[in-house]
N, C-alpha and C. Protein backbone atom coordinates (compact mmCIF):
# COMPACT_ATOMS: atom_id res chain seq x y z
N MET A 1 -53.31 16.84 -1.66
CA MET A 1 -53.53 15.83 -2.27
C MET A 1 -52.20 15.88 -2.80
N GLY A 2 -50.96 14.54 -2.51
CA GLY A 2 -49.97 14.58 -3.02
C GLY A 2 -49.86 13.61 -3.80
N ALA A 3 -48.46 13.46 -4.31
CA ALA A 3 -48.46 12.97 -6.19
C ALA A 3 -48.48 10.95 -5.42
N GLY A 4 -47.82 10.83 -4.39
CA GLY A 4 -47.78 9.03 -4.09
C GLY A 4 -49.43 9.00 -3.97
N PHE A 5 -50.20 9.58 -2.98
CA PHE A 5 -51.76 9.17 -3.46
C PHE A 5 -52.51 9.57 -5.17
N ALA A 6 -51.65 10.41 -5.35
CA ALA A 6 -52.52 10.03 -7.19
C ALA A 6 -52.00 9.49 -7.62
N ASN A 7 -50.49 8.68 -7.43
CA ASN A 7 -49.94 8.12 -8.24
C ASN A 7 -50.72 6.74 -7.51
N LEU A 8 -51.17 6.49 -6.34
CA LEU A 8 -51.41 4.95 -5.88
C LEU A 8 -53.70 5.15 -6.45
N VAL A 9 -53.81 6.25 -6.48
CA VAL A 9 -55.39 5.95 -7.31
C VAL A 9 -55.33 5.53 -8.50
N GLY A 10 -54.17 6.46 -9.43
CA GLY A 10 -53.62 6.12 -10.61
C GLY A 10 -53.85 4.35 -11.34
N THR A 11 -52.84 4.16 -10.30
CA THR A 11 -52.21 2.49 -10.57
C THR A 11 -53.70 1.99 -10.03
N ALA A 12 -54.38 1.99 -9.18
CA ALA A 12 -55.54 1.14 -8.74
C ALA A 12 -56.55 1.62 -10.05
N PHE A 13 -56.26 1.96 -10.70
CA PHE A 13 -57.27 2.30 -12.07
C PHE A 13 -56.94 1.86 -13.92
N VAL A 14 -55.40 2.00 -13.35
CA VAL A 14 -54.88 1.34 -14.84
C VAL A 14 -54.40 -0.26 -14.71
N ILE A 15 -54.01 -0.94 -13.88
CA ILE A 15 -53.30 -2.42 -13.80
C ILE A 15 -54.88 -2.92 -13.99
N PRO A 16 -56.19 -2.73 -13.40
CA PRO A 16 -57.19 -3.22 -14.05
C PRO A 16 -57.68 -3.29 -15.15
N LEU A 17 -57.76 -1.97 -15.86
CA LEU A 17 -57.98 -1.50 -17.32
C LEU A 17 -57.44 -2.01 -17.86
N ILE A 18 -55.85 -2.42 -17.60
CA ILE A 18 -55.02 -3.50 -18.41
C ILE A 18 -56.07 -4.85 -18.24
N LEU A 19 -56.03 -5.17 -17.27
CA LEU A 19 -56.63 -6.78 -17.41
C LEU A 19 -57.85 -7.24 -17.70
N GLY A 20 -59.07 -5.76 -17.48
CA GLY A 20 -60.14 -6.23 -18.09
C GLY A 20 -59.88 -5.91 -19.21
N SER A 21 -58.92 -5.44 -20.31
CA SER A 21 -58.95 -4.86 -21.57
C SER A 21 -58.50 -6.67 -22.06
N ILE A 22 -57.30 -7.34 -21.59
CA ILE A 22 -56.77 -8.68 -21.86
C ILE A 22 -58.32 -9.99 -22.04
N PHE A 23 -58.79 -10.06 -20.78
CA PHE A 23 -59.73 -10.29 -20.48
C PHE A 23 -60.95 -10.77 -21.60
N SER A 24 -61.47 -9.09 -21.62
CA SER A 24 -62.87 -9.17 -22.28
C SER A 24 -63.18 -9.85 -23.36
N GLY A 25 -62.17 -10.30 -24.24
CA GLY A 25 -61.96 -11.40 -25.60
C GLY A 25 -62.49 -11.77 -25.22
N MET A 26 -62.07 -12.72 -24.31
CA MET A 26 -63.00 -13.80 -23.82
C MET A 26 -64.18 -14.18 -23.51
N ILE A 27 -64.50 -12.85 -22.56
CA ILE A 27 -65.61 -12.81 -21.99
C ILE A 27 -66.45 -12.46 -23.18
N ALA A 28 -66.16 -11.65 -24.26
CA ALA A 28 -66.86 -11.25 -25.33
C ALA A 28 -67.37 -12.83 -25.81
N ALA A 29 -66.38 -13.26 -26.14
CA ALA A 29 -66.55 -14.53 -27.56
C ALA A 29 -67.62 -15.22 -26.91
N ASN A 30 -68.29 -15.26 -25.24
CA ASN A 30 -68.87 -16.05 -24.84
C ASN A 30 -70.54 -16.11 -24.27
N PHE A 31 -70.08 -14.05 -24.48
CA PHE A 31 -71.61 -14.07 -23.75
C PHE A 31 -71.36 -12.88 -24.50
N ASN A 32 -73.42 -12.10 -23.91
CA ASN A 32 -73.75 -11.37 -24.84
C ASN A 32 -72.83 -10.11 -24.73
N ARG A 33 -72.41 -9.60 -25.83
CA ARG A 33 -71.56 -8.56 -25.91
C ARG A 33 -72.28 -7.04 -25.85
N ALA A 34 -73.75 -7.11 -26.28
CA ALA A 34 -74.13 -5.67 -26.09
C ALA A 34 -74.46 -5.81 -24.64
N ALA A 35 -75.54 -6.53 -23.96
CA ALA A 35 -74.83 -6.66 -22.32
C ALA A 35 -74.52 -5.85 -21.75
N ILE A 36 -73.19 -6.92 -21.88
CA ILE A 36 -71.47 -6.31 -21.54
C ILE A 36 -70.96 -5.11 -21.36
N MET A 37 -71.56 -4.22 -22.75
CA MET A 37 -70.44 -3.37 -23.15
C MET A 37 -72.00 -2.17 -22.47
N CYS A 38 -72.78 -2.50 -22.13
CA CYS A 38 -74.23 -1.51 -21.70
C CYS A 38 -73.95 -1.75 -20.04
N GLY A 39 -73.85 -3.30 -19.58
CA GLY A 39 -73.73 -2.90 -18.31
C GLY A 39 -72.16 -2.86 -17.47
N GLY A 40 -71.28 -2.67 -18.38
CA GLY A 40 -70.31 -2.15 -17.78
C GLY A 40 -70.43 -0.10 -17.96
N VAL A 41 -71.17 -0.01 -18.94
CA VAL A 41 -70.87 1.59 -18.50
C VAL A 41 -72.17 1.70 -17.18
N ILE A 42 -73.31 1.21 -17.13
CA ILE A 42 -73.35 1.16 -16.07
C ILE A 42 -72.75 1.29 -14.74
N ILE A 43 -72.17 0.14 -14.89
CA ILE A 43 -71.42 -0.57 -13.48
C ILE A 43 -70.37 1.04 -13.81
N TRP A 44 -70.08 1.14 -14.06
CA TRP A 44 -68.59 2.23 -13.99
C TRP A 44 -68.76 3.15 -13.72
N SER A 45 -69.84 3.40 -14.49
CA SER A 45 -70.81 4.82 -13.91
C SER A 45 -71.52 5.29 -12.37
N GLY A 46 -71.36 3.78 -12.65
CA GLY A 46 -72.05 3.49 -11.26
C GLY A 46 -71.02 3.63 -10.20
N THR A 47 -70.00 3.05 -10.04
CA THR A 47 -68.51 3.53 -9.33
C THR A 47 -68.32 5.23 -9.14
N ILE A 48 -68.56 6.01 -10.46
CA ILE A 48 -68.25 7.10 -10.37
C ILE A 48 -69.18 7.69 -8.88
N VAL A 49 -70.36 7.33 -9.52
CA VAL A 49 -71.47 7.94 -8.07
C VAL A 49 -71.32 7.48 -6.94
N ALA A 50 -70.68 6.42 -6.69
CA ALA A 50 -70.66 6.02 -5.31
C ALA A 50 -68.74 6.44 -4.46
N SER A 51 -68.14 6.76 -5.48
CA SER A 51 -67.06 7.61 -5.50
C SER A 51 -66.65 8.67 -4.72
N GLY A 52 -68.39 9.28 -5.10
CA GLY A 52 -68.37 10.57 -4.40
C GLY A 52 -68.93 10.00 -2.79
N PHE A 53 -69.03 8.96 -2.66
CA PHE A 53 -69.68 9.16 -0.84
C PHE A 53 -68.59 8.33 0.11
N ALA A 54 -67.20 8.19 -1.03
CA ALA A 54 -65.96 7.41 -0.38
C ALA A 54 -65.82 8.49 0.60
N THR A 55 -65.34 7.35 1.50
CA THR A 55 -64.72 8.75 3.59
C THR A 55 -63.77 7.64 3.97
N ASN A 56 -62.72 7.21 3.04
CA ASN A 56 -61.21 6.81 2.90
C ASN A 56 -60.97 6.07 1.83
N LEU A 57 -59.92 6.24 1.96
CA LEU A 57 -58.64 5.84 1.30
C LEU A 57 -59.56 4.17 0.31
N ALA A 58 -59.63 3.29 0.97
CA ALA A 58 -59.43 2.29 1.22
C ALA A 58 -60.47 1.63 -0.18
N THR A 59 -61.55 2.24 0.64
CA THR A 59 -62.47 2.38 -0.68
C THR A 59 -63.02 3.33 -1.92
N LEU A 60 -62.35 4.25 -1.94
CA LEU A 60 -61.47 4.99 -3.08
C LEU A 60 -60.69 4.17 -3.98
N ILE A 61 -59.85 4.02 -3.73
CA ILE A 61 -58.92 2.61 -4.75
C ILE A 61 -59.66 1.51 -4.62
N GLY A 62 -60.76 1.41 -4.07
CA GLY A 62 -61.74 0.03 -3.97
C GLY A 62 -62.34 -0.17 -5.83
N LEU A 63 -62.98 0.90 -5.43
CA LEU A 63 -64.01 2.02 -6.58
C LEU A 63 -63.54 2.11 -7.67
N ARG A 64 -62.05 2.33 -7.75
CA ARG A 64 -61.46 2.21 -8.94
C ARG A 64 -60.83 1.28 -9.81
N VAL A 65 -60.64 0.27 -8.74
CA VAL A 65 -60.42 -1.52 -9.20
C VAL A 65 -61.37 -1.21 -9.63
N VAL A 66 -62.65 -1.58 -9.67
CA VAL A 66 -63.83 -1.69 -9.85
C VAL A 66 -64.22 -0.88 -11.55
N LEU A 67 -63.94 0.15 -11.82
CA LEU A 67 -64.18 1.54 -12.51
C LEU A 67 -62.88 0.94 -13.78
N GLY A 68 -61.23 0.20 -13.44
CA GLY A 68 -60.53 -0.12 -14.62
C GLY A 68 -61.25 -1.29 -14.89
N LEU A 69 -61.66 -2.31 -14.39
CA LEU A 69 -61.99 -3.42 -14.88
C LEU A 69 -63.04 -3.51 -15.91
N THR A 70 -64.37 -2.30 -15.08
CA THR A 70 -65.59 -2.37 -16.61
C THR A 70 -64.46 -0.86 -17.21
N GLN A 71 -64.05 -0.53 -17.68
CA GLN A 71 -63.67 0.18 -18.10
C GLN A 71 -62.91 -0.79 -19.30
N GLY A 72 -61.67 -1.56 -18.92
CA GLY A 72 -61.55 -1.97 -19.54
C GLY A 72 -62.10 -3.32 -20.52
N LEU A 73 -63.32 -3.38 -20.18
CA LEU A 73 -64.59 -4.23 -21.19
C LEU A 73 -64.89 -3.35 -22.98
N PHE A 74 -64.88 -1.87 -22.39
CA PHE A 74 -65.69 -1.66 -23.40
C PHE A 74 -64.79 -1.59 -24.92
N ILE A 75 -63.89 -0.74 -25.36
CA ILE A 75 -63.05 -0.76 -26.51
C ILE A 75 -63.47 -2.69 -27.30
N PRO A 76 -62.40 -4.01 -26.57
CA PRO A 76 -62.58 -4.98 -26.72
C PRO A 76 -63.60 -5.28 -27.20
N VAL A 77 -64.63 -5.02 -26.53
CA VAL A 77 -66.45 -5.36 -26.88
C VAL A 77 -67.26 -5.16 -28.16
N ALA A 78 -66.45 -3.22 -27.80
CA ALA A 78 -67.64 -2.51 -28.60
C ALA A 78 -66.63 -3.18 -30.35
N THR A 79 -65.31 -2.89 -30.12
CA THR A 79 -64.81 -3.32 -31.62
C THR A 79 -65.65 -4.41 -32.18
N SER A 80 -65.31 -5.77 -31.39
CA SER A 80 -66.74 -7.00 -31.39
C SER A 80 -67.33 -6.71 -32.24
N LEU A 81 -68.76 -6.00 -31.64
CA LEU A 81 -69.63 -5.61 -31.84
C LEU A 81 -70.08 -4.78 -32.97
N ILE A 82 -68.89 -4.04 -33.80
CA ILE A 82 -68.74 -3.11 -34.85
C ILE A 82 -68.68 -3.90 -35.67
N ILE A 83 -67.60 -4.96 -35.81
CA ILE A 83 -67.55 -5.77 -36.82
C ILE A 83 -68.40 -6.52 -37.32
N ASP A 84 -69.95 -7.14 -36.50
CA ASP A 84 -70.56 -7.74 -36.83
C ASP A 84 -72.02 -6.62 -36.66
N TYR A 85 -71.87 -5.66 -36.65
CA TYR A 85 -73.17 -4.76 -36.85
C TYR A 85 -72.46 -3.82 -38.16
N PHE A 86 -71.18 -3.95 -38.54
CA PHE A 86 -71.35 -3.51 -40.36
C PHE A 86 -70.19 -3.62 -41.08
N PRO A 87 -71.07 -3.32 -42.24
CA PRO A 87 -70.31 -4.58 -43.39
C PRO A 87 -68.91 -3.27 -43.62
N VAL A 88 -67.94 -4.19 -44.32
CA VAL A 88 -66.94 -3.44 -44.06
C VAL A 88 -66.55 -2.09 -44.74
N SER A 89 -67.41 -2.16 -45.09
CA SER A 89 -67.34 -0.65 -46.20
C SER A 89 -67.74 0.32 -45.53
N TYR A 90 -68.35 0.17 -44.22
CA TYR A 90 -68.57 0.64 -43.01
C TYR A 90 -67.42 0.75 -41.83
N ARG A 91 -67.64 0.05 -41.88
CA ARG A 91 -66.05 -0.25 -40.20
C ARG A 91 -65.18 0.53 -39.97
N THR A 92 -64.45 1.34 -41.08
CA THR A 92 -63.66 2.66 -40.81
C THR A 92 -64.24 3.98 -40.26
N SER A 93 -65.03 4.32 -40.82
CA SER A 93 -66.45 5.31 -40.49
C SER A 93 -66.81 4.81 -38.43
N ALA A 94 -67.46 3.77 -38.65
CA ALA A 94 -67.64 2.99 -36.91
C ALA A 94 -66.99 3.55 -36.23
N PHE A 95 -65.26 2.90 -36.61
CA PHE A 95 -64.02 2.93 -35.44
C PHE A 95 -63.41 4.54 -35.27
N ALA A 96 -64.12 5.45 -36.65
CA ALA A 96 -64.15 6.52 -35.89
C ALA A 96 -64.56 6.99 -35.11
N ILE A 97 -66.22 7.33 -35.22
CA ILE A 97 -67.18 7.69 -34.66
C ILE A 97 -66.32 6.65 -33.26
N ILE A 98 -65.78 5.29 -32.58
CA ILE A 98 -65.70 5.11 -31.50
C ILE A 98 -64.11 6.36 -30.97
N SER A 99 -63.47 6.39 -32.00
CA SER A 99 -62.16 7.09 -31.87
C SER A 99 -62.65 8.36 -31.06
N ILE A 100 -63.71 8.96 -31.78
CA ILE A 100 -63.96 10.81 -31.19
C ILE A 100 -64.27 10.18 -30.31
N GLY A 101 -65.48 9.44 -29.71
CA GLY A 101 -65.88 9.55 -28.35
C GLY A 101 -64.81 9.11 -27.09
N GLN A 102 -63.51 8.39 -27.66
CA GLN A 102 -63.33 8.37 -26.48
C GLN A 102 -61.95 9.86 -26.90
N SER A 103 -61.54 10.32 -27.03
CA SER A 103 -61.38 11.59 -27.03
C SER A 103 -61.84 12.53 -26.71
N LEU A 104 -63.05 12.64 -26.91
CA LEU A 104 -64.41 13.81 -26.20
C LEU A 104 -64.06 12.89 -24.64
N GLY A 105 -63.95 11.82 -24.58
CA GLY A 105 -64.51 11.24 -22.74
C GLY A 105 -62.97 12.08 -22.37
N ILE A 106 -62.20 12.22 -22.88
CA ILE A 106 -60.68 12.91 -22.72
C ILE A 106 -60.90 14.15 -22.27
N ALA A 107 -61.59 14.32 -23.14
CA ALA A 107 -61.52 15.95 -23.43
C ALA A 107 -62.57 16.29 -21.72
N PHE A 108 -63.75 15.50 -21.58
CA PHE A 108 -64.86 15.41 -20.61
C PHE A 108 -64.15 15.61 -19.28
N VAL A 109 -63.24 14.53 -19.01
CA VAL A 109 -62.55 14.47 -17.87
C VAL A 109 -62.25 16.08 -18.11
N SER A 110 -61.63 16.57 -18.53
CA SER A 110 -60.43 17.88 -18.17
C SER A 110 -61.29 18.76 -17.70
N LEU A 111 -62.86 18.83 -18.11
CA LEU A 111 -63.53 19.57 -17.83
C LEU A 111 -64.70 19.66 -16.81
N THR A 112 -63.98 17.99 -16.00
CA THR A 112 -64.87 18.13 -14.87
C THR A 112 -64.09 18.55 -13.96
N THR A 113 -62.36 19.21 -14.10
CA THR A 113 -62.28 20.57 -12.72
C THR A 113 -62.54 21.69 -13.09
N ASN A 114 -63.47 22.14 -13.80
CA ASN A 114 -63.89 23.15 -13.35
C ASN A 114 -65.06 22.78 -12.92
N LEU A 115 -65.77 21.86 -13.43
CA LEU A 115 -67.39 21.32 -11.93
C LEU A 115 -66.58 20.91 -10.55
N ILE A 116 -65.32 20.55 -10.44
CA ILE A 116 -65.17 20.17 -8.94
C ILE A 116 -64.91 21.89 -8.40
N ALA A 117 -64.19 22.66 -8.96
CA ALA A 117 -64.02 23.85 -8.60
C ALA A 117 -65.78 24.80 -8.25
N ILE A 118 -66.34 24.40 -9.35
CA ILE A 118 -67.72 24.92 -8.74
C ILE A 118 -68.88 23.95 -7.80
N SER A 119 -68.55 22.61 -8.04
CA SER A 119 -69.44 21.87 -7.03
C SER A 119 -68.84 21.11 -6.03
N GLY A 120 -67.60 20.91 -6.16
CA GLY A 120 -67.21 20.16 -5.01
C GLY A 120 -66.80 18.82 -5.81
N TRP A 121 -65.74 18.53 -5.42
CA TRP A 121 -65.71 17.00 -6.39
C TRP A 121 -66.49 15.41 -5.63
N ARG A 122 -66.93 15.30 -4.59
CA ARG A 122 -68.52 14.86 -4.56
C ARG A 122 -69.36 14.98 -5.63
N MET A 123 -70.07 15.97 -5.30
CA MET A 123 -70.91 16.14 -6.43
C MET A 123 -70.58 16.31 -7.92
N THR A 124 -69.71 16.33 -8.60
CA THR A 124 -69.09 16.49 -9.64
C THR A 124 -68.98 14.63 -9.64
N PHE A 125 -69.32 14.00 -8.78
CA PHE A 125 -69.03 12.43 -8.91
C PHE A 125 -70.31 12.23 -9.12
N TRP A 126 -71.21 12.51 -8.97
CA TRP A 126 -72.89 12.14 -8.00
C TRP A 126 -73.29 12.73 -10.01
N GLU A 127 -72.63 14.20 -10.21
CA GLU A 127 -73.70 14.58 -11.45
C GLU A 127 -73.19 13.55 -12.51
N VAL A 128 -71.58 13.02 -12.75
CA VAL A 128 -70.85 12.93 -13.65
C VAL A 128 -71.29 11.37 -14.15
N GLY A 129 -71.38 10.97 -12.95
CA GLY A 129 -71.78 8.98 -12.68
C GLY A 129 -73.26 9.21 -13.24
N GLY A 130 -73.71 9.89 -12.37
CA GLY A 130 -75.31 9.69 -12.98
C GLY A 130 -75.78 9.53 -14.44
N PHE A 131 -74.72 11.14 -14.77
CA PHE A 131 -75.21 10.98 -16.18
C PHE A 131 -75.09 10.13 -17.27
N PHE A 132 -73.85 9.47 -16.91
CA PHE A 132 -73.30 8.32 -17.18
C PHE A 132 -74.20 7.15 -17.04
N VAL A 133 -74.73 6.91 -15.86
CA VAL A 133 -75.70 5.46 -15.89
C VAL A 133 -76.85 5.67 -16.46
N GLY A 134 -77.42 7.37 -16.15
CA GLY A 134 -78.77 7.18 -17.69
C GLY A 134 -77.85 6.87 -19.38
N ILE A 135 -77.17 6.76 -19.32
CA ILE A 135 -76.30 6.90 -20.67
C ILE A 135 -77.14 5.14 -21.01
N GLY A 136 -76.16 4.28 -19.78
CA GLY A 136 -75.84 3.34 -20.31
C GLY A 136 -77.36 2.44 -20.16
N VAL A 137 -78.71 2.80 -19.06
CA VAL A 137 -79.52 1.98 -19.35
C VAL A 137 -80.25 2.22 -20.57
N VAL A 138 -80.67 3.85 -21.19
CA VAL A 138 -80.62 3.89 -22.28
C VAL A 138 -79.92 2.95 -23.05
N SER A 139 -78.59 3.13 -23.27
CA SER A 139 -78.50 2.13 -24.40
C SER A 139 -78.74 0.89 -24.44
N SER A 140 -78.87 0.11 -23.24
CA SER A 140 -79.48 -1.17 -23.09
C SER A 140 -80.84 -1.56 -24.17
N PHE A 141 -81.51 -0.14 -23.67
CA PHE A 141 -82.98 -0.47 -24.61
C PHE A 141 -82.79 -0.57 -26.42
N ILE A 142 -81.73 0.10 -26.69
CA ILE A 142 -81.09 0.71 -27.87
C ILE A 142 -80.51 -0.24 -28.18
N VAL A 143 -78.81 -0.96 -27.86
CA VAL A 143 -78.18 -1.70 -28.24
C VAL A 143 -78.77 -2.96 -28.19
N ARG A 144 -78.47 -3.97 -29.34
CA ARG A 144 -78.90 -5.47 -29.47
C ARG A 144 -77.81 -6.48 -29.85
N GLU A 145 -77.56 -7.65 -29.22
CA GLU A 145 -76.44 -7.93 -29.81
C GLU A 145 -76.53 -9.07 -31.40
N PRO A 146 -75.61 -8.34 -32.31
CA PRO A 146 -75.95 -9.16 -32.92
C PRO A 146 -75.86 -10.09 -33.83
N LEU A 147 -76.04 -10.53 -34.48
CA LEU A 147 -75.90 -11.67 -35.29
C LEU A 147 -74.56 -12.06 -35.74
N ARG A 148 -73.39 -13.41 -35.03
CA ARG A 148 -71.89 -12.86 -35.26
C ARG A 148 -71.39 -13.76 -36.42
N GLY A 149 -70.57 -13.15 -36.91
CA GLY A 149 -69.80 -13.55 -37.91
C GLY A 149 -70.72 -12.95 -39.31
N ILE A 150 -72.19 -12.10 -38.90
CA ILE A 150 -71.98 -12.40 -40.51
C ILE A 150 -71.86 -11.06 -41.31
N TYR A 151 -70.71 -10.32 -41.31
CA TYR A 151 -70.14 -9.77 -41.85
C TYR A 151 -68.19 -10.35 -42.43
N THR A 152 -68.24 -11.54 -41.97
CA THR A 152 -66.76 -12.12 -41.66
C THR A 152 -66.98 -12.78 -42.97
N PHE A 153 -66.02 -12.67 -43.83
CA PHE A 153 -65.73 -13.33 -44.80
C PHE A 153 -64.85 -14.33 -44.58
N LYS A 154 -65.33 -15.64 -44.99
CA LYS A 154 -64.27 -16.94 -45.05
C LYS A 154 -63.10 -17.70 -46.00
N THR A 155 -62.23 -17.23 -45.74
CA THR A 155 -61.70 -17.72 -46.93
C THR A 155 -60.67 -19.13 -47.05
N LYS A 156 -60.58 -19.78 -48.05
CA LYS A 156 -60.26 -21.39 -47.44
C LYS A 156 -58.36 -21.08 -47.06
N GLY A 157 -58.25 -21.74 -46.37
CA GLY A 157 -56.56 -21.83 -45.78
C GLY A 157 -55.52 -21.37 -46.99
N LEU A 158 -54.55 -21.13 -46.00
CA LEU A 158 -53.39 -20.43 -46.73
C LEU A 158 -52.10 -21.29 -47.19
């Protein structure tokens, strides 16, 4: 696998990730954020599983595009949910937990190189993706859409 291949596959993820993040605010403002977040985790994890079945570059790139778009939804939607789940005095801790989760995710990706060496890349995609599909499904039964704006303080003009 050459640098050109890695750049192409990486770009196929990063650009949709940015676009997904930009548009997720508009999506979250009009739809059930809990469903978007949990559904996004299920879809992005499903694309990881499907990547293990990829037999050509076009399929892998297409799956990376879907992965980027759905991962791009997560942080903006999760931020919006935190604002409505927690009063101001608890938000810093909630945001810290989300940040820890992101850092653990990055560390986990680094550890997958060990799994690839042990199980091969296809099995690693299936194991990791399958685990997180399960997390998404369980989350969809736990995470509920909160009342919007319950902790938002209204102020009169400036």
